Amino acid sequence: MFGDIGDICDTEVAILRQLECGRSDEFISRSLGVSTRTLRRYLAGMCAKLGVVTRFQLGAAAARLGLLGAVDTPDT
């Protein structure tokens, strides 16, 4: 179902972490020094690599694959 996570580059991981924080495309592209169009190409490429369609699915797949920071779970 998912592509090889070894194909995910450092820039793509940085983008995923910015998305995790709820940052806009414009903010992320400025922080990386790329155009918004280039950022959206990165996003489309990551969706293809991970076999997903939406940004929400991209975030969920990245979390499942351990590409994001640690997830806090409440004590039960």
N, C-alpha and C. Protein backbone atom coordinates (compact mmCIF):
# COMPACT_ATOMS: atom_id res chain seq x y z
N MET A 1 0.83 -1.20 0.00
CA MET A 1 0.00 0.00 0.00
C MET A 1 0.86 1.25 0.00
N PHE A 2 1.86 1.33 0.87
CA PHE A 2 2.71 2.50 0.95
C PHE A 2 3.98 2.28 0.16
N GLY A 3 4.54 3.38 -0.35
CA GLY A 3 5.82 3.30 -1.03
C GLY A 3 6.95 3.10 -0.04
N ASP A 4 8.14 3.03 -0.55
CA ASP A 4 9.33 2.86 0.28
C ASP A 4 9.63 4.17 0.99
N ILE A 5 9.62 4.16 2.33
CA ILE A 5 9.86 5.40 3.06
C ILE A 5 11.29 5.86 2.91
N GLY A 6 12.18 4.99 2.42
CA GLY A 6 13.54 5.41 2.13
C GLY A 6 13.60 6.42 1.01
N ASP A 7 12.50 6.51 0.24
CA ASP A 7 12.42 7.47 -0.85
C ASP A 7 12.08 8.89 -0.37
N ILE A 8 11.75 9.04 0.89
CA ILE A 8 11.36 10.34 1.44
C ILE A 8 12.63 11.09 1.82
N CYS A 9 12.83 12.27 1.22
CA CYS A 9 14.05 13.04 1.48
C CYS A 9 13.87 13.96 2.70
N ASP A 10 14.98 14.54 3.14
CA ASP A 10 14.95 15.42 4.32
C ASP A 10 14.00 16.60 4.13
N THR A 11 13.95 17.16 2.93
CA THR A 11 13.04 18.29 2.67
C THR A 11 11.60 17.85 2.84
N GLU A 12 11.28 16.66 2.36
CA GLU A 12 9.91 16.17 2.48
C GLU A 12 9.54 15.92 3.94
N VAL A 13 10.47 15.43 4.72
CA VAL A 13 10.21 15.24 6.16
C VAL A 13 9.98 16.60 6.82
N ALA A 14 10.78 17.60 6.44
CA ALA A 14 10.59 18.95 6.99
C ALA A 14 9.20 19.48 6.63
N ILE A 15 8.76 19.22 5.41
CA ILE A 15 7.43 19.66 4.99
C ILE A 15 6.36 18.96 5.82
N LEU A 16 6.50 17.66 6.01
CA LEU A 16 5.53 16.91 6.81
C LEU A 16 5.44 17.45 8.23
N ARG A 17 6.58 17.79 8.80
CA ARG A 17 6.58 18.31 10.18
C ARG A 17 5.92 19.69 10.25
N GLN A 18 6.11 20.50 9.20
CA GLN A 18 5.43 21.81 9.15
C GLN A 18 3.92 21.63 9.01
N LEU A 19 3.52 20.66 8.17
CA LEU A 19 2.09 20.38 8.01
C LEU A 19 1.49 19.90 9.32
N GLU A 20 2.26 19.10 10.05
CA GLU A 20 1.80 18.59 11.34
C GLU A 20 1.47 19.74 12.29
N CYS A 21 2.20 20.83 12.16
CA CYS A 21 1.98 22.01 13.01
C CYS A 21 0.85 22.90 12.49
N GLY A 22 0.25 22.52 11.36
CA GLY A 22 -0.87 23.28 10.82
C GLY A 22 -0.46 24.50 10.02
N ARG A 23 0.76 24.54 9.57
CA ARG A 23 1.25 25.70 8.82
C ARG A 23 0.69 25.72 7.40
N SER A 24 0.52 26.90 6.86
CA SER A 24 -0.02 27.06 5.50
C SER A 24 1.05 26.75 4.46
N ASP A 25 0.61 26.49 3.24
CA ASP A 25 1.55 26.28 2.14
C ASP A 25 2.47 27.48 1.96
N GLU A 26 1.90 28.66 2.09
CA GLU A 26 2.69 29.88 1.90
C GLU A 26 3.78 30.00 2.98
N PHE A 27 3.43 29.71 4.21
CA PHE A 27 4.40 29.77 5.31
C PHE A 27 5.51 28.74 5.09
N ILE A 28 5.11 27.51 4.76
CA ILE A 28 6.10 26.45 4.57
C ILE A 28 7.03 26.77 3.42
N SER A 29 6.48 27.22 2.31
CA SER A 29 7.33 27.52 1.15
C SER A 29 8.31 28.64 1.48
N ARG A 30 7.86 29.66 2.19
CA ARG A 30 8.78 30.76 2.57
C ARG A 30 9.87 30.24 3.49
N SER A 31 9.51 29.39 4.45
CA SER A 31 10.51 28.90 5.41
C SER A 31 11.54 28.00 4.74
N LEU A 32 11.15 27.33 3.65
CA LEU A 32 12.08 26.46 2.93
C LEU A 32 12.80 27.17 1.79
N GLY A 33 12.35 28.39 1.48
CA GLY A 33 12.97 29.14 0.40
C GLY A 33 12.62 28.62 -0.98
N VAL A 34 11.41 28.07 -1.11
CA VAL A 34 10.94 27.59 -2.41
C VAL A 34 9.61 28.26 -2.72
N SER A 35 9.19 28.17 -3.98
CA SER A 35 7.90 28.74 -4.35
C SER A 35 6.76 27.85 -3.84
N THR A 36 5.58 28.43 -3.75
CA THR A 36 4.41 27.65 -3.33
C THR A 36 4.14 26.54 -4.33
N ARG A 37 4.38 26.82 -5.59
CA ARG A 37 4.18 25.80 -6.63
C ARG A 37 5.13 24.62 -6.42
N THR A 38 6.38 24.91 -6.10
CA THR A 38 7.36 23.85 -5.84
C THR A 38 6.94 23.04 -4.62
N LEU A 39 6.47 23.71 -3.57
CA LEU A 39 5.99 23.00 -2.38
C LEU A 39 4.86 22.06 -2.75
N ARG A 40 3.93 22.53 -3.57
CA ARG A 40 2.80 21.68 -3.96
C ARG A 40 3.24 20.51 -4.81
N ARG A 41 4.31 20.68 -5.56
CA ARG A 41 4.89 19.54 -6.30
C ARG A 41 5.45 18.51 -5.32
N TYR A 42 6.14 19.00 -4.28
CA TYR A 42 6.63 18.09 -3.23
C TYR A 42 5.46 17.31 -2.62
N LEU A 43 4.38 18.02 -2.29
CA LEU A 43 3.22 17.38 -1.67
C LEU A 43 2.63 16.31 -2.59
N ALA A 44 2.49 16.64 -3.87
CA ALA A 44 1.94 15.67 -4.83
C ALA A 44 2.86 14.45 -4.93
N GLY A 45 4.15 14.70 -4.93
CA GLY A 45 5.11 13.59 -5.00
C GLY A 45 5.04 12.70 -3.77
N MET A 46 4.91 13.32 -2.60
CA MET A 46 4.81 12.54 -1.37
C MET A 46 3.51 11.73 -1.34
N CYS A 47 2.43 12.32 -1.82
CA CYS A 47 1.16 11.58 -1.88
C CYS A 47 1.32 10.36 -2.78
N ALA A 48 1.98 10.54 -3.90
CA ALA A 48 2.20 9.41 -4.82
C ALA A 48 3.10 8.35 -4.17
N LYS A 49 4.17 8.77 -3.51
CA LYS A 49 5.09 7.83 -2.87
C LYS A 49 4.39 7.01 -1.79
N LEU A 50 3.50 7.65 -1.05
CA LEU A 50 2.85 6.98 0.07
C LEU A 50 1.49 6.38 -0.32
N GLY A 51 1.10 6.54 -1.58
CA GLY A 51 -0.13 5.93 -2.06
C GLY A 51 -1.39 6.51 -1.48
N VAL A 52 -1.40 7.84 -1.29
CA VAL A 52 -2.57 8.51 -0.74
C VAL A 52 -3.02 9.62 -1.68
N VAL A 53 -4.20 10.19 -1.39
CA VAL A 53 -4.77 11.21 -2.27
C VAL A 53 -4.82 12.58 -1.59
N THR A 54 -5.22 12.62 -0.32
CA THR A 54 -5.43 13.90 0.36
C THR A 54 -4.31 14.22 1.34
N ARG A 55 -4.26 15.49 1.73
CA ARG A 55 -3.28 15.92 2.73
C ARG A 55 -3.53 15.22 4.07
N PHE A 56 -4.79 15.02 4.40
CA PHE A 56 -5.10 14.32 5.64
C PHE A 56 -4.54 12.90 5.61
N GLN A 57 -4.76 12.20 4.51
CA GLN A 57 -4.22 10.86 4.35
C GLN A 57 -2.70 10.88 4.38
N LEU A 58 -2.10 11.91 3.81
CA LEU A 58 -0.65 12.05 3.81
C LEU A 58 -0.14 12.13 5.25
N GLY A 59 -0.79 12.95 6.07
CA GLY A 59 -0.39 13.08 7.47
C GLY A 59 -0.57 11.78 8.24
N ALA A 60 -1.69 11.10 7.99
CA ALA A 60 -1.95 9.84 8.68
C ALA A 60 -0.92 8.78 8.28
N ALA A 61 -0.60 8.71 7.00
CA ALA A 61 0.39 7.74 6.53
C ALA A 61 1.77 8.05 7.10
N ALA A 62 2.13 9.33 7.12
CA ALA A 62 3.42 9.74 7.67
C ALA A 62 3.52 9.38 9.15
N ALA A 63 2.45 9.57 9.88
CA ALA A 63 2.44 9.22 11.31
C ALA A 63 2.59 7.71 11.50
N ARG A 64 1.85 6.93 10.72
CA ARG A 64 1.93 5.47 10.82
C ARG A 64 3.33 4.96 10.51
N LEU A 65 4.00 5.62 9.58
CA LEU A 65 5.34 5.20 9.17
C LEU A 65 6.44 5.76 10.06
N GLY A 66 6.06 6.56 11.07
CA GLY A 66 7.04 7.11 11.99
C GLY A 66 7.86 8.26 11.43
N LEU A 67 7.30 8.96 10.44
CA LEU A 67 8.03 10.07 9.82
C LEU A 67 7.85 11.38 10.58
N LEU A 68 6.92 11.41 11.52
CA LEU A 68 6.66 12.61 12.30
C LEU A 68 7.22 12.44 13.70
N GLY A 69 7.14 13.49 14.49
CA GLY A 69 7.62 13.42 15.87
C GLY A 69 6.78 12.46 16.67
N ALA A 70 7.19 12.26 17.89
CA ALA A 70 6.47 11.35 18.79
C ALA A 70 5.06 11.87 19.02
N VAL A 71 4.15 10.97 19.05
CA VAL A 71 2.75 11.30 19.31
C VAL A 71 2.48 11.12 20.79
N ASP A 72 1.93 12.17 21.42
CA ASP A 72 1.57 12.08 22.83
C ASP A 72 0.26 11.33 22.95
N THR A 73 0.23 10.36 23.83
CA THR A 73 -1.01 9.64 24.10
C THR A 73 -1.39 9.89 25.54
N PRO A 74 -2.67 10.13 25.78
CA PRO A 74 -3.10 10.39 27.17
C PRO A 74 -2.97 9.13 28.02
N ASP A 75 -2.68 9.35 29.28
CA ASP A 75 -2.61 8.22 30.22
C ASP A 75 -4.01 7.69 30.46
N THR A 76 -4.13 6.37 30.47
CA THR A 76 -5.47 5.79 30.71
C THR A 76 -5.49 5.03 32.00
